[in-house]
């Protein structure tokens, strides 16, 4: 596994795109259009942009890590199966595990 520069299009193919993570009861839009960042809408309706670290595990599988004021998140995105597994640690130390489906919103 190697940490990659999230700006490298060949290494992280979602760069420049918007994808949706559908966890069932929770749907989150991930905006990867800004290199090295991820943007999404918070539970309060505020658009947040935070630093993004991407680690390539193997072809089409990436570990993404980011945090905002409310949570730290680690997600494994398998682009070949369009699956995502995420673990969130909330400010109150609650640990959430979620699995869902990835779909492209905007190329």
Protein backbone atom coordinates (compact mmCIF):
# COMPACT_ATOMS: atom_id res chain seq x y z
CA UNK A 1 0.00 0.00 0.00
CA UNK A 2 1.22 3.44 -0.83
CA UNK A 3 -0.17 6.83 -0.01
CA UNK A 4 -0.64 8.72 -3.23
CA UNK A 5 -0.99 12.30 -4.21
CA UNK A 6 -4.76 12.69 -4.56
CA UNK A 7 -4.12 15.07 -7.44
CA UNK A 8 -2.86 12.26 -9.68
CA UNK A 9 -5.76 11.44 -12.00
CA UNK A 10 -4.25 8.11 -13.03
CA UNK A 11 -3.87 7.06 -9.39
CA UNK A 12 -7.25 8.24 -8.09
CA UNK A 13 -9.76 8.06 -10.94
CA UNK A 14 -12.56 9.88 -9.08
CA UNK A 15 -10.63 13.15 -9.14
CA UNK A 16 -12.68 15.82 -10.90
CA UNK A 17 -15.98 13.99 -10.35
CA UNK A 18 -18.94 13.87 -7.96
CA UNK A 19 -20.01 10.50 -6.57
CA UNK A 20 -22.78 9.44 -4.22
CA UNK A 21 -22.39 7.00 -1.32
CA UNK A 22 -25.75 5.38 -0.57
CA UNK A 23 -25.71 3.74 2.86
CA UNK A 24 -29.47 3.03 2.86
CA UNK A 25 -30.84 5.49 5.42
CA UNK A 26 -28.03 7.94 4.68
CA UNK A 27 -26.97 9.22 1.25
CA UNK A 28 -23.88 11.43 1.00
CA UNK A 29 -22.59 13.20 -2.09
CA UNK A 30 -18.78 13.23 -2.33
CA UNK A 31 -17.32 15.99 -4.49
CA UNK A 32 -13.77 15.16 -5.65
CA UNK A 33 -13.41 18.08 -8.08
CA UNK A 34 -10.76 19.89 -6.03
CA UNK A 35 -7.42 18.03 -5.90
CA UNK A 36 -6.48 16.89 -2.39
CA UNK A 37 -9.93 17.79 -1.01
CA UNK A 38 -13.35 16.25 -0.52
CA UNK A 39 -16.53 18.31 -0.27
CA UNK A 40 -19.88 17.16 1.07
CA UNK A 41 -22.98 18.57 2.72
CA UNK A 42 -23.09 18.21 6.51
CA UNK A 43 -26.11 17.03 8.49
CA UNK A 44 -26.80 20.74 9.14
CA UNK A 45 -27.00 21.47 5.41
CA UNK A 46 -23.64 23.25 5.29
CA UNK A 47 -21.23 22.45 2.48
CA UNK A 48 -17.87 21.38 3.92
CA UNK A 49 -14.54 21.02 2.15
CA UNK A 50 -11.77 19.20 4.02
CA UNK A 51 -8.35 17.76 3.28
CA UNK A 52 -8.39 14.26 1.80
CA UNK A 53 -5.72 11.58 2.08
CA UNK A 54 -5.94 8.73 -0.44
CA UNK A 55 -4.06 5.45 -0.21
CA UNK A 56 -4.14 2.99 -3.10
CA UNK A 57 -4.51 -0.57 -1.79
CA UNK A 58 -4.62 -2.30 -5.18
CA UNK A 59 -6.19 -1.73 -8.58
CA UNK A 60 -9.51 0.09 -8.09
CA UNK A 61 -9.40 -0.08 -4.26
CA UNK A 62 -8.61 3.05 -2.26
CA UNK A 63 -8.62 4.02 1.41
CA UNK A 64 -9.78 7.60 1.95
CA UNK A 65 -9.28 9.47 5.22
CA UNK A 66 -10.60 12.87 6.21
CA UNK A 67 -11.99 14.73 9.19
CA UNK A 68 -14.14 17.71 10.00
CA UNK A 69 -15.19 19.29 13.30
CA UNK A 70 -17.75 16.55 13.98
CA UNK A 71 -16.05 13.32 12.88
CA UNK A 72 -13.03 11.48 11.55
CA UNK A 73 -13.75 9.15 8.64
CA UNK A 74 -11.93 6.28 6.99
CA UNK A 75 -13.58 4.78 3.91
CA UNK A 76 -12.57 1.90 1.67
CA UNK A 77 -13.87 2.47 -1.85
CA UNK A 78 -13.84 -0.45 -4.28
CA UNK A 79 -14.40 1.11 -7.68
CA UNK A 80 -14.65 -2.25 -9.47
CA UNK A 81 -17.67 -3.33 -7.37
CA UNK A 82 -18.98 0.19 -6.61
CA UNK A 83 -19.00 -0.61 -2.87
CA UNK A 84 -17.92 1.59 0.03
CA UNK A 85 -17.28 0.66 3.67
CA UNK A 86 -16.85 3.56 6.06
CA UNK A 87 -15.96 3.95 9.70
CA UNK A 88 -16.73 7.25 11.42
CA UNK A 89 -15.55 8.29 14.85
CA UNK A 90 -17.81 11.06 16.11
CA UNK A 91 -16.78 13.85 18.46
CA UNK A 92 -18.44 12.02 21.39
CA UNK A 93 -16.32 8.93 20.51
CA UNK A 94 -19.27 7.02 19.04
CA UNK A 95 -18.03 4.57 16.43
CA UNK A 96 -20.19 4.05 13.32
CA UNK A 97 -19.65 1.41 10.63
CA UNK A 98 -21.54 1.75 7.34
CA UNK A 99 -21.52 -0.10 4.03
CA UNK A 100 -23.08 1.14 0.85
CA UNK A 101 -23.10 1.57 -2.89
CA UNK A 102 -21.15 4.14 -4.92
CA UNK A 103 -22.64 5.75 -8.00
CA UNK A 104 -21.43 8.58 -10.18
CA UNK A 105 -23.43 11.82 -10.04
CA UNK A 106 -21.33 14.01 -12.37
CA UNK A 107 -18.37 13.07 -14.55
